[in-house]
Amino acid sequence: MDTENPRFTLDELAALAELPRRTVRYYVQLGLLDRPFGVGRGPHYGQRHAEQLLEIRKWQQAGLSLERIRELLAPAGNEMSSVPPRTRRRGSLEVWSHLVIDDGLA
């Protein structure tokens, strides 16, 4: 295997990301993961695909939905170290926390 430009089969990529093959295919279908190179019985994945899967897993572990992850990954080339603010939409739900420190202090 070329160490500078690794090529992975679907099985290898799924094992690397600790995900089922079906999930990897689903992410491609949703547009979260780039389509594989090649067609038919010989498609393969590269380093970029592995990085995308790790990014998706990071956001999922942070509790984000796949819809929100798609929004975060949409601007190609952006390095995201924190979750950017989400725009408010009519009918959206927000959850607020209120911490009472002492009587009269919030």
PDB file of N, CA and C in Angstrom:
ATOM      1  N   MET A   1       0.840  -1.183   0.000  1.00  0.00           N
ATOM      2  CA  MET A   1       0.000   0.000   0.000  1.00  0.00           C
ATOM      3  C   MET A   1       0.881   1.240   0.000  1.00  0.00           C
ATOM      4  N   ASP A   2       0.501   2.225  -0.785  1.00  0.00           N
ATOM      5  CA  ASP A   2       1.197   3.497  -0.860  1.00  0.00           C
ATOM      6  C   ASP A   2       0.922   4.276   0.420  1.00  0.00           C
ATOM      7  N   THR A   3       1.984   4.589   1.179  1.00  0.00           N
ATOM      8  CA  THR A   3       1.775   5.265   2.465  1.00  0.00           C
ATOM      9  C   THR A   3       1.430   6.738   2.293  1.00  0.00           C
ATOM     10  N   GLU A   4       1.813   7.341   1.163  1.00  0.00           N
ATOM     11  CA  GLU A   4       1.486   8.750   0.945  1.00  0.00           C
ATOM     12  C   GLU A   4       0.040   8.918   0.493  1.00  0.00           C
ATOM     13  N   ASN A   5      -0.461   8.003  -0.292  1.00  0.00           N
ATOM     14  CA  ASN A   5      -1.838   8.039  -0.793  1.00  0.00           C
ATOM     15  C   ASN A   5      -2.499   6.696  -0.533  1.00  0.00           C
ATOM     16  N   PRO A   6      -2.874   6.432   0.717  1.00  0.00           N
ATOM     17  CA  PRO A   6      -3.449   5.123   1.013  1.00  0.00           C
ATOM     18  C   PRO A   6      -4.787   4.918   0.312  1.00  0.00           C
ATOM     19  N   ARG A   7      -5.044   3.663  -0.055  1.00  0.00           N
ATOM     20  CA  ARG A   7      -6.310   3.278  -0.660  1.00  0.00           C
ATOM     21  C   ARG A   7      -6.939   2.237   0.246  1.00  0.00           C
ATOM     22  N   PHE A   8      -8.218   2.433   0.527  1.00  0.00           N
ATOM     23  CA  PHE A   8      -8.939   1.530   1.400  1.00  0.00           C
ATOM     24  C   PHE A   8     -10.134   0.941   0.675  1.00  0.00           C
ATOM     25  N   THR A   9     -10.410  -0.323   0.938  1.00  0.00           N
ATOM     26  CA  THR A   9     -11.667  -0.906   0.492  1.00  0.00           C
ATOM     27  C   THR A   9     -12.742  -0.442   1.464  1.00  0.00           C
ATOM     28  N   LEU A  10     -13.987  -0.718   1.140  1.00  0.00           N
ATOM     29  CA  LEU A  10     -15.079  -0.360   2.041  1.00  0.00           C
ATOM     30  C   LEU A  10     -14.901  -1.043   3.385  1.00  0.00           C
ATOM     31  N   ASP A  11     -14.520  -2.320   3.372  1.00  0.00           N
ATOM     32  CA  ASP A  11     -14.301  -3.057   4.622  1.00  0.00           C
ATOM     33  C   ASP A  11     -13.192  -2.430   5.462  1.00  0.00           C
ATOM     34  N   GLU A  12     -12.094  -2.059   4.812  1.00  0.00           N
ATOM     35  CA  GLU A  12     -10.971  -1.464   5.538  1.00  0.00           C
ATOM     36  C   GLU A  12     -11.340  -0.106   6.126  1.00  0.00           C
ATOM     37  N   LEU A  13     -12.051   0.706   5.344  1.00  0.00           N
ATOM     38  CA  LEU A  13     -12.449   2.026   5.823  1.00  0.00           C
ATOM     39  C   LEU A  13     -13.423   1.907   6.983  1.00  0.00           C
ATOM     40  N   ALA A  14     -14.387   1.009   6.859  1.00  0.00           N
ATOM     41  CA  ALA A  14     -15.361   0.805   7.933  1.00  0.00           C
ATOM     42  C   ALA A  14     -14.670   0.334   9.211  1.00  0.00           C
ATOM     43  N   ALA A  15     -13.714  -0.576   9.076  1.00  0.00           N
ATOM     44  CA  ALA A  15     -12.981  -1.071  10.246  1.00  0.00           C
ATOM     45  C   ALA A  15     -12.135   0.047  10.863  1.00  0.00           C
ATOM     46  N   LEU A  16     -11.527   0.860  10.023  1.00  0.00           N
ATOM     47  CA  LEU A  16     -10.706   1.965  10.504  1.00  0.00           C
ATOM     48  C   LEU A  16     -11.533   2.950  11.334  1.00  0.00           C
ATOM     49  N   ALA A  17     -12.751   3.228  10.884  1.00  0.00           N
ATOM     50  CA  ALA A  17     -13.626   4.175  11.582  1.00  0.00           C
ATOM     51  C   ALA A  17     -14.492   3.497  12.635  1.00  0.00           C
ATOM     52  N   GLU A  18     -14.360   2.180  12.763  1.00  0.00           N
ATOM     53  CA  GLU A  18     -15.158   1.398  13.712  1.00  0.00           C
ATOM     54  C   GLU A  18     -16.650   1.608  13.477  1.00  0.00           C
ATOM     55  N   LEU A  19     -17.043   1.512  12.201  1.00  0.00           N
ATOM     56  CA  LEU A  19     -18.433   1.664  11.789  1.00  0.00           C
ATOM     57  C   LEU A  19     -18.832   0.481  10.912  1.00  0.00           C
ATOM     58  N   PRO A  20     -20.107   0.147  10.888  1.00  0.00           N
ATOM     59  CA  PRO A  20     -20.556  -0.879   9.947  1.00  0.00           C
ATOM     60  C   PRO A  20     -20.443  -0.373   8.505  1.00  0.00           C
ATOM     61  N   ARG A  21     -20.253  -1.285   7.575  1.00  0.00           N
ATOM     62  CA  ARG A  21     -20.174  -0.919   6.150  1.00  0.00           C
ATOM     63  C   ARG A  21     -21.426  -0.174   5.720  1.00  0.00           C
ATOM     64  N   ARG A  22     -22.547  -0.628   6.212  1.00  0.00           N
ATOM     65  CA  ARG A  22     -23.824  -0.010   5.846  1.00  0.00           C
ATOM     66  C   ARG A  22     -23.869   1.467   6.243  1.00  0.00           C
ATOM     67  N   THR A  23     -23.298   1.797   7.384  1.00  0.00           N
ATOM     68  CA  THR A  23     -23.271   3.186   7.844  1.00  0.00           C
ATOM     69  C   THR A  23     -22.415   4.042   6.922  1.00  0.00           C
ATOM     70  N   VAL A  24     -21.279   3.507   6.496  1.00  0.00           N
ATOM     71  CA  VAL A  24     -20.408   4.249   5.576  1.00  0.00           C
ATOM     72  C   VAL A  24     -21.164   4.533   4.284  1.00  0.00           C
ATOM     73  N   ARG A  25     -21.852   3.542   3.757  1.00  0.00           N
ATOM     74  CA  ARG A  25     -22.641   3.735   2.532  1.00  0.00           C
ATOM     75  C   ARG A  25     -23.744   4.779   2.754  1.00  0.00           C
ATOM     76  N   TYR A  26     -24.361   4.728   3.920  1.00  0.00           N
ATOM     77  CA  TYR A  26     -25.426   5.675   4.246  1.00  0.00           C
ATOM     78  C   TYR A  26     -24.884   7.103   4.267  1.00  0.00           C
ATOM     79  N   TYR A  27     -23.705   7.292   4.844  1.00  0.00           N
ATOM     80  CA  TYR A  27     -23.089   8.617   4.883  1.00  0.00           C
ATOM     81  C   TYR A  27     -22.793   9.130   3.471  1.00  0.00           C
ATOM     82  N   VAL A  28     -22.392   8.235   2.578  1.00  0.00           N
ATOM     83  CA  VAL A  28     -22.171   8.628   1.186  1.00  0.00           C
ATOM     84  C   VAL A  28     -23.495   9.057   0.568  1.00  0.00           C
ATOM     85  N   GLN A  29     -24.540   8.269   0.827  1.00  0.00           N
ATOM     86  CA  GLN A  29     -25.867   8.570   0.293  1.00  0.00           C
ATOM     87  C   GLN A  29     -26.384   9.926   0.782  1.00  0.00           C
ATOM     88  N   LEU A  30     -26.120  10.260   2.049  1.00  0.00           N
ATOM     89  CA  LEU A  30     -26.555  11.536   2.609  1.00  0.00           C
ATOM     90  C   LEU A  30     -25.699  12.716   2.156  1.00  0.00           C
ATOM     91  N   GLY A  31     -24.538  12.424   1.599  1.00  0.00           N
ATOM     92  CA  GLY A  31     -23.641  13.491   1.182  1.00  0.00           C
ATOM     93  C   GLY A  31     -22.688  13.937   2.275  1.00  0.00           C
ATOM     94  N   LEU A  32     -22.642  13.198   3.384  1.00  0.00           N
ATOM     95  CA  LEU A  32     -21.700  13.517   4.460  1.00  0.00           C
ATOM     96  C   LEU A  32     -20.289  13.074   4.099  1.00  0.00           C
ATOM     97  N   LEU A  33     -20.203  12.042   3.298  1.00  0.00           N
ATOM     98  CA  LEU A  33     -18.924  11.445   2.913  1.00  0.00           C
ATOM     99  C   LEU A  33     -18.823  11.476   1.397  1.00  0.00           C
ATOM    100  N   ASP A  34     -17.661  11.869   0.878  1.00  0.00           N
ATOM    101  CA  ASP A  34     -17.455  11.891  -0.576  1.00  0.00           C
ATOM    102  C   ASP A  34     -17.660  10.502  -1.161  1.00  0.00           C
ATOM    103  N   ARG A  35     -18.095  10.475  -2.415  1.00  0.00           N
ATOM    104  CA  ARG A  35     -18.261   9.202  -3.117  1.00  0.00           C
ATOM    105  C   ARG A  35     -16.888   8.539  -3.291  1.00  0.00           C
ATOM    106  N   PRO A  36     -16.858   7.192  -3.326  1.00  0.00           N
ATOM    107  CA  PRO A  36     -15.575   6.509  -3.509  1.00  0.00           C
ATOM    108  C   PRO A  36     -15.035   6.717  -4.923  1.00  0.00           C
ATOM    109  N   PHE A  37     -13.764   6.472  -5.073  1.00  0.00           N
ATOM    110  CA  PHE A  37     -13.127   6.511  -6.388  1.00  0.00           C
ATOM    111  C   PHE A  37     -13.410   5.188  -7.072  1.00  0.00           C
ATOM    112  N   GLY A  38     -13.576   5.205  -8.375  1.00  0.00           N
ATOM    113  CA  GLY A  38     -13.840   3.973  -9.112  1.00  0.00           C
ATOM    114  C   GLY A  38     -15.310   3.610  -9.047  1.00  0.00           C
ATOM    115  N   VAL A  39     -15.673   2.614  -9.849  1.00  0.00           N
ATOM    116  CA  VAL A  39     -17.064   2.165  -9.910  1.00  0.00           C
ATOM    117  C   VAL A  39     -17.116   0.643  -9.928  1.00  0.00           C
ATOM    118  N   GLY A  40     -18.320   0.127  -9.799  1.00  0.00           N
ATOM    119  CA  GLY A  40     -18.511  -1.314  -9.880  1.00  0.00           C
ATOM    120  C   GLY A  40     -17.916  -2.036  -8.692  1.00  0.00           C
ATOM    121  N   ARG A  41     -17.182  -3.097  -8.979  1.00  0.00           N
ATOM    122  CA  ARG A  41     -16.627  -3.924  -7.915  1.00  0.00           C
ATOM    123  C   ARG A  41     -15.287  -3.401  -7.399  1.00  0.00           C
ATOM    124  N   GLY A  42     -14.778  -2.326  -7.994  1.00  0.00           N
ATOM    125  CA  GLY A  42     -13.468  -1.848  -7.593  1.00  0.00           C
ATOM    126  C   GLY A  42     -13.417  -0.480  -6.950  1.00  0.00           C
ATOM    127  N   PRO A  43     -14.489  -0.006  -6.288  1.00  0.00           N
ATOM    128  CA  PRO A  43     -14.379   1.319  -5.677  1.00  0.00           C
ATOM    129  C   PRO A  43     -13.412   1.304  -4.500  1.00  0.00           C
ATOM    130  N   HIS A  44     -12.767   2.408  -4.293  1.00  0.00           N
ATOM    131  CA  HIS A  44     -11.851   2.510  -3.162  1.00  0.00           C
ATOM    132  C   HIS A  44     -11.953   3.907  -2.551  1.00  0.00           C
ATOM    133  N   TYR A  45     -11.439   4.001  -1.357  1.00  0.00           N
ATOM    134  CA  TYR A  45     -11.510   5.226  -0.574  1.00  0.00           C
ATOM    135  C   TYR A  45     -10.094   5.663  -0.242  1.00  0.00           C
ATOM    136  N   GLY A  46      -9.928   6.952   0.014  1.00  0.00           N
ATOM    137  CA  GLY A  46      -8.608   7.489   0.319  1.00  0.00           C
ATOM    138  C   GLY A  46      -8.534   8.099   1.706  1.00  0.00           C
ATOM    139  N   GLN A  47      -7.427   8.771   1.947  1.00  0.00           N
ATOM    140  CA  GLN A  47      -7.180   9.414   3.225  1.00  0.00           C
ATOM    141  C   GLN A  47      -8.260  10.441   3.560  1.00  0.00           C
ATOM    142  N   ARG A  48      -8.700  11.189   2.556  1.00  0.00           N
ATOM    143  CA  ARG A  48      -9.744  12.201   2.759  1.00  0.00           C
ATOM    144  C   ARG A  48     -11.017  11.562   3.318  1.00  0.00           C
ATOM    145  N   HIS A  49     -11.385  10.388   2.822  1.00  0.00           N
ATOM    146  CA  HIS A  49     -12.575   9.696   3.313  1.00  0.00           C
ATOM    147  C   HIS A  49     -12.421   9.326   4.794  1.00  0.00           C
ATOM    148  N   ALA A  50     -11.242   8.844   5.150  1.00  0.00           N
ATOM    149  CA  ALA A  50     -10.985   8.476   6.549  1.00  0.00           C
ATOM    150  C   ALA A  50     -11.093   9.709   7.449  1.00  0.00           C
ATOM    151  N   GLU A  51     -10.546  10.823   6.985  1.00  0.00           N
ATOM    152  CA  GLU A  51     -10.614  12.058   7.760  1.00  0.00           C
ATOM    153  C   GLU A  51     -12.058  12.534   7.913  1.00  0.00           C
ATOM    154  N   GLN A  52     -12.839  12.414   6.842  1.00  0.00           N
ATOM    155  CA  GLN A  52     -14.242  12.812   6.913  1.00  0.00           C
ATOM    156  C   GLN A  52     -14.994  11.959   7.931  1.00  0.00           C
ATOM    157  N   LEU A  53     -14.768  10.655   7.916  1.00  0.00           N
ATOM    158  CA  LEU A  53     -15.458   9.776   8.865  1.00  0.00           C
ATOM    159  C   LEU A  53     -15.085  10.106  10.305  1.00  0.00           C
ATOM    160  N   LEU A  54     -13.823  10.401  10.542  1.00  0.00           N
ATOM    161  CA  LEU A  54     -13.394  10.761  11.897  1.00  0.00           C
ATOM    162  C   LEU A  54     -14.026  12.084  12.339  1.00  0.00           C
ATOM    163  N   GLU A  55     -14.174  13.015  11.411  1.00  0.00           N
ATOM    164  CA  GLU A  55     -14.820  14.288  11.710  1.00  0.00           C
ATOM    165  C   GLU A  55     -16.303  14.065  12.044  1.00  0.00           C
ATOM    166  N   ILE A  56     -16.960  13.223  11.275  1.00  0.00           N
ATOM    167  CA  ILE A  56     -18.372  12.901  11.528  1.00  0.00           C
ATOM    168  C   ILE A  56     -18.518  12.266  12.903  1.00  0.00           C
ATOM    169  N   ARG A  57     -17.652  11.319  13.221  1.00  0.00           N
ATOM    170  CA  ARG A  57     -17.716  10.660  14.538  1.00  0.00           C
ATOM    171  C   ARG A  57     -17.507  11.660  15.664  1.00  0.00           C
ATOM    172  N   LYS A  58     -16.571  12.596  15.471  1.00  0.00           N
ATOM    173  CA  LYS A  58     -16.300  13.608  16.499  1.00  0.00           C
ATOM    174  C   LYS A  58     -17.562  14.417  16.785  1.00  0.00           C
ATOM    175  N   TRP A  59     -18.253  14.861  15.734  1.00  0.00           N
ATOM    176  CA  TRP A  59     -19.451  15.661  15.917  1.00  0.00           C
ATOM    177  C   TRP A  59     -20.591  14.825  16.503  1.00  0.00           C
ATOM    178  N   GLN A  60     -20.689  13.564  16.104  1.00  0.00           N
ATOM    179  CA  GLN A  60     -21.733  12.707  16.682  1.00  0.00           C
ATOM    180  C   GLN A  60     -21.503  12.498  18.170  1.00  0.00           C
ATOM    181  N   GLN A  61     -20.264  12.297  18.557  1.00  0.00           N
ATOM    182  CA  GLN A  61     -19.958  12.117  19.980  1.00  0.00           C
ATOM    183  C   GLN A  61     -20.230  13.393  20.770  1.00  0.00           C
ATOM    184  N   ALA A  62     -20.218  14.539  20.083  1.00  0.00           N
ATOM    185  CA  ALA A  62     -20.553  15.805  20.733  1.00  0.00           C
ATOM    186  C   ALA A  62     -22.067  15.993  20.822  1.00  0.00           C
ATOM    187  N   GLY A  63     -22.823  15.040  20.270  1.00  0.00           N
ATOM    188  CA  GLY A  63     -24.271  15.066  20.381  1.00  0.00           C
ATOM    189  C   GLY A  63     -25.001  15.746  19.244  1.00  0.00           C
ATOM    190  N   LEU A  64     -24.326  16.005  18.125  1.00  0.00           N
ATOM    191  CA  LEU A  64     -24.970  16.681  17.006  1.00  0.00           C
ATOM    192  C   LEU A  64     -25.702  15.689  16.101  1.00  0.00           C
ATOM    193  N   SER A  65     -26.772  16.146  15.492  1.00  0.00           N
ATOM    194  CA  SER A  65     -27.534  15.312  14.557  1.00  0.00           C
ATOM    195  C   SER A  65     -26.797  15.243  13.220  1.00  0.00           C
ATOM    196  N   LEU A  66     -27.181  14.266  12.401  1.00  0.00           N
ATOM    197  CA  LEU A  66     -26.567  14.160  11.075  1.00  0.00           C
ATOM    198  C   LEU A  66     -26.895  15.375  10.218  1.00  0.00           C
ATOM    199  N   GLU A  67     -28.084  15.932  10.394  1.00  0.00           N
ATOM    200  CA  GLU A  67     -28.458  17.147   9.660  1.00  0.00           C
ATOM    201  C   GLU A  67     -27.525  18.302  10.017  1.00  0.00           C
ATOM    202  N   ARG A  68     -27.257  18.454  11.305  1.00  0.00           N
ATOM    203  CA  ARG A  68     -26.364  19.538  11.757  1.00  0.00           C
ATOM    204  C   ARG A  68     -24.931  19.276  11.299  1.00  0.00           C
ATOM    205  N   ILE A  69     -24.515  18.034  11.332  1.00  0.00           N
ATOM    206  CA  ILE A  69     -23.160  17.693  10.873  1.00  0.00           C
ATOM    207  C   ILE A  69     -23.014  18.040   9.395  1.00  0.00           C
ATOM    208  N   ARG A  70     -24.044  17.769   8.617  1.00  0.00           N
ATOM    209  CA  ARG A  70     -24.000  18.109   7.191  1.00  0.00           C
ATOM    210  C   ARG A  70     -23.821  19.612   7.022  1.00  0.00           C
ATOM    211  N   GLU A  71     -24.519  20.409   7.840  1.00  0.00           N
ATOM    212  CA  GLU A  71     -24.368  21.862   7.791  1.00  0.00           C
ATOM    213  C   GLU A  71     -22.941  22.283   8.123  1.00  0.00           C
ATOM    214  N   LEU A  72     -22.353  21.626   9.094  1.00  0.00           N
ATOM    215  CA  LEU A  72     -20.990  21.977   9.515  1.00  0.00           C
ATOM    216  C   LEU A  72     -19.951  21.596   8.466  1.00  0.00           C
ATOM    217  N   LEU A  73     -20.188  20.482   7.787  1.00  0.00           N
ATOM    218  CA  LEU A  73     -19.219  20.002   6.807  1.00  0.00           C
ATOM    219  C   LEU A  73     -19.392  20.662   5.445  1.00  0.00           C
ATOM    220  N   ALA A  74     -20.514  21.340   5.218  1.00  0.00           N
ATOM    221  CA  ALA A  74     -20.810  21.928   3.908  1.00  0.00           C
ATOM    222  C   ALA A  74     -19.751  22.913   3.424  1.00  0.00           C
ATOM    223  N   PRO A  75     -19.295  23.865   4.250  1.00  0.00           N
ATOM    224  CA  PRO A  75     -18.264  24.773   3.744  1.00  0.00           C
ATOM    225  C   PRO A  75     -16.941  24.042   3.613  1.00  0.00           C
ATOM    226  N   ALA A  76     -16.613  23.614   2.399  1.00  0.00           N
ATOM    227  CA  ALA A  76     -15.399  22.833   2.170  1.00  0.00           C
ATOM    228  C   ALA A  76     -14.162  23.628   2.540  1.00  0.00           C
ATOM    229  N   GLY A  77     -13.223  22.948   3.182  1.00  0.00           N
ATOM    230  CA  GLY A  77     -11.949  23.545   3.510  1.00  0.00           C
ATOM    231  C   GLY A  77     -11.909  24.281   4.829  1.00  0.00           C
ATOM    232  N   ASN A  78     -13.036  24.403   5.523  1.00  0.00           N
ATOM    233  CA  ASN A  78     -13.030  25.087   6.814  1.00  0.00           C
ATOM    234  C   ASN A  78     -12.555  24.143   7.907  1.00  0.00           C
ATOM    235  N   GLU A  79     -11.596  24.583   8.708  1.00  0.00           N
ATOM    236  CA  GLU A  79     -11.184  23.828   9.893  1.00  0.00           C
ATOM    237  C   GLU A  79     -12.099  24.243  11.014  1.00  0.00           C
ATOM    238  N   MET A  80     -12.810  23.304  11.584  1.00  0.00           N
ATOM    239  CA  MET A  80     -13.767  23.628  12.626  1.00  0.00           C
ATOM    240  C   MET A  80     -13.303  23.050  13.942  1.00  0.00           C
ATOM    241  N   SER A  81     -12.933  23.911  14.855  1.00  0.00           N
ATOM    242  CA  SER A  81     -12.503  23.427  16.154  1.00  0.00           C
ATOM    243  C   SER A  81     -13.608  23.546  17.181  1.00  0.00           C
ATOM    244  N   SER A  82     -14.613  24.370  16.908  1.00  0.00           N
ATOM    245  CA  SER A  82     -15.744  24.488  17.808  1.00  0.00           C
ATOM    246  C   SER A  82     -17.015  24.578  16.978  1.00  0.00           C
ATOM    247  N   VAL A  83     -18.125  24.365  17.624  1.00  0.00           N
ATOM    248  CA  VAL A  83     -19.401  24.383  16.918  1.00  0.00           C
ATOM    249  C   VAL A  83     -19.794  25.824  16.643  1.00  0.00           C
ATOM    250  N   PRO A  84     -19.958  26.191  15.366  1.00  0.00           N
ATOM    251  CA  PRO A  84     -20.377  27.549  15.063  1.00  0.00           C
ATOM    252  C   PRO A  84     -21.843  27.745  15.439  1.00  0.00           C
ATOM    253  N   PRO A  85     -22.247  28.996  15.667  1.00  0.00           N
ATOM    254  CA  PRO A  85     -23.641  29.232  16.050  1.00  0.00           C
ATOM    255  C   PRO A  85     -24.592  28.833  14.932  1.00  0.00           C
ATOM    256  N   ARG A  86     -25.738  28.350  15.336  1.00  0.00           N
ATOM    257  CA  ARG A  86     -26.754  27.934  14.378  1.00  0.00           C
ATOM    258  C   ARG A  86     -27.738  29.083  14.185  1.00  0.00           C
ATOM    259  N   THR A  87     -28.134  29.303  12.946  1.00  0.00           N
ATOM    260  CA  THR A  87     -29.097  30.359  12.684  1.00  0.00           C
ATOM    261  C   THR A  87     -30.473  29.938  13.184  1.00  0.00           C
ATOM    262  N   ARG A  88     -31.213  30.906  13.695  1.00  0.00           N
ATOM    263  CA  ARG A  88     -32.549  30.619  14.209  1.00  0.00           C
ATOM    264  C   ARG A  88     -33.531  30.554  13.048  1.00  0.00           C
ATOM    265  N   ARG A  89     -34.399  29.551  13.109  1.00  0.00           N
ATOM    266  CA  ARG A  89     -35.441  29.394  12.102  1.00  0.00           C
ATOM    267  C   ARG A  89     -36.791  29.372  12.793  1.00  0.00           C
ATOM    268  N   ARG A  90     -37.809  29.819  12.086  1.00  0.00           N
ATOM    269  CA  ARG A  90     -39.156  29.802  12.631  1.00  0.00           C
ATOM    270  C   ARG A  90     -39.534  28.367  12.987  1.00  0.00           C
ATOM    271  N   GLY A  91     -40.053  28.181  14.180  1.00  0.00           N
ATOM    272  CA  GLY A  91     -40.472  26.861  14.622  1.00  0.00           C
ATOM    273  C   GLY A  91     -39.363  26.023  15.238  1.00  0.00           C
ATOM    274  N   SER A  92     -38.148  26.567  15.300  1.00  0.00           N
ATOM    275  CA  SER A  92     -37.055  25.791  15.889  1.00  0.00           C
ATOM    276  C   SER A  92     -37.172  25.805  17.411  1.00  0.00           C
ATOM    277  N   LEU A  93     -36.617  24.817  18.025  1.00  0.00           N
ATOM    278  CA  LEU A  93     -36.697  24.649  19.467  1.00  0.00           C
ATOM    279  C   LEU A  93     -35.339  24.943  20.086  1.00  0.00           C
ATOM    280  N   GLU A  94     -35.319  25.733  21.133  1.00  0.00           N
ATOM    281  CA  GLU A  94     -34.094  26.022  21.865  1.00  0.00           C
ATOM    282  C   GLU A  94     -34.285  25.590  23.309  1.00  0.00           C
ATOM    283  N   VAL A  95     -33.261  25.041  23.895  1.00  0.00           N
ATOM    284  CA  VAL A  95     -33.299  24.641  25.293  1.00  0.00           C
ATOM    285  C   VAL A  95     -32.327  25.539  26.054  1.00  0.00           C
ATOM    286  N   TRP A  96     -32.821  26.175  27.084  1.00  0.00           N
ATOM    287  CA  TRP A  96     -32.014  27.068  27.895  1.00  0.00           C
ATOM    288  C   TRP A  96     -31.900  26.490  29.292  1.00  0.00           C
ATOM    289  N   SER A  97     -30.778  26.682  29.911  1.00  0.00           N
ATOM    290  CA  SER A  97     -30.575  26.258  31.292  1.00  0.00           C
ATOM    291  C   SER A  97     -30.551  27.493  32.186  1.00  0.00           C
ATOM    292  N   HIS A  98     -31.015  27.324  33.393  1.00  0.00           N
ATOM    293  CA  HIS A  98     -31.041  28.423  34.355  1.00  0.00           C
ATOM    294  C   HIS A  98     -30.424  27.900  35.647  1.00  0.00           C
ATOM    295  N   LEU A  99     -29.329  28.462  36.058  1.00  0.00           N
ATOM    296  CA  LEU A  99     -28.626  28.039  37.264  1.00  0.00           C
ATOM    297  C   LEU A  99     -28.895  29.043  38.371  1.00  0.00           C
ATOM    298  N   VAL A 100     -29.476  28.568  39.460  1.00  0.00           N
ATOM    299  CA  VAL A 100     -29.731  29.415  40.611  1.00  0.00           C
ATOM    300  C   VAL A 100     -28.560  29.251  41.570  1.00  0.00           C
ATOM    301  N   ILE A 101     -27.829  30.335  41.777  1.00  0.00           N
ATOM    302  CA  ILE A 101     -26.668  30.309  42.647  1.00  0.00           C
ATOM    303  C   ILE A 101     -27.074  30.519  44.090  1.00  0.00           C
ATOM    304  N   ASP A 102     -27.967  31.478  44.288  1.00  0.00           N
ATOM    305  CA  ASP A 102     -28.480  31.798  45.619  1.00  0.00           C
ATOM    306  C   ASP A 102     -29.755  32.606  45.408  1.00  0.00           C
ATOM    307  N   ASP A 103     -30.483  32.845  46.465  1.00  0.00           N
ATOM    308  CA  ASP A 103     -31.697  33.651  46.349  1.00  0.00           C
ATOM    309  C   ASP A 103     -31.367  35.000  45.721  1.00  0.00           C
ATOM    310  N   GLY A 104     -32.077  35.322  44.642  1.00  0.00           N
ATOM    311  CA  GLY A 104     -31.867  36.601  43.973  1.00  0.00           C
ATOM    312  C   GLY A 104     -30.732  36.593  42.969  1.00  0.00           C
ATOM    313  N   LEU A 105     -29.927  35.540  42.929  1.00  0.00           N
ATOM    314  CA  LEU A 105     -28.822  35.454  41.962  1.00  0.00           C
ATOM    315  C   LEU A 105     -29.118  34.308  40.985  1.00  0.00           C
ATOM    316  N   ALA A 106     -28.969  34.612  39.748  1.00  0.00           N
ATOM    317  CA  ALA A 106     -29.205  33.579  38.732  1.00  0.00           C
ATOM    318  C   ALA A 106     -28.078  33.559  37.735  1.00  0.00           C
TER     319      ALA A 106
END
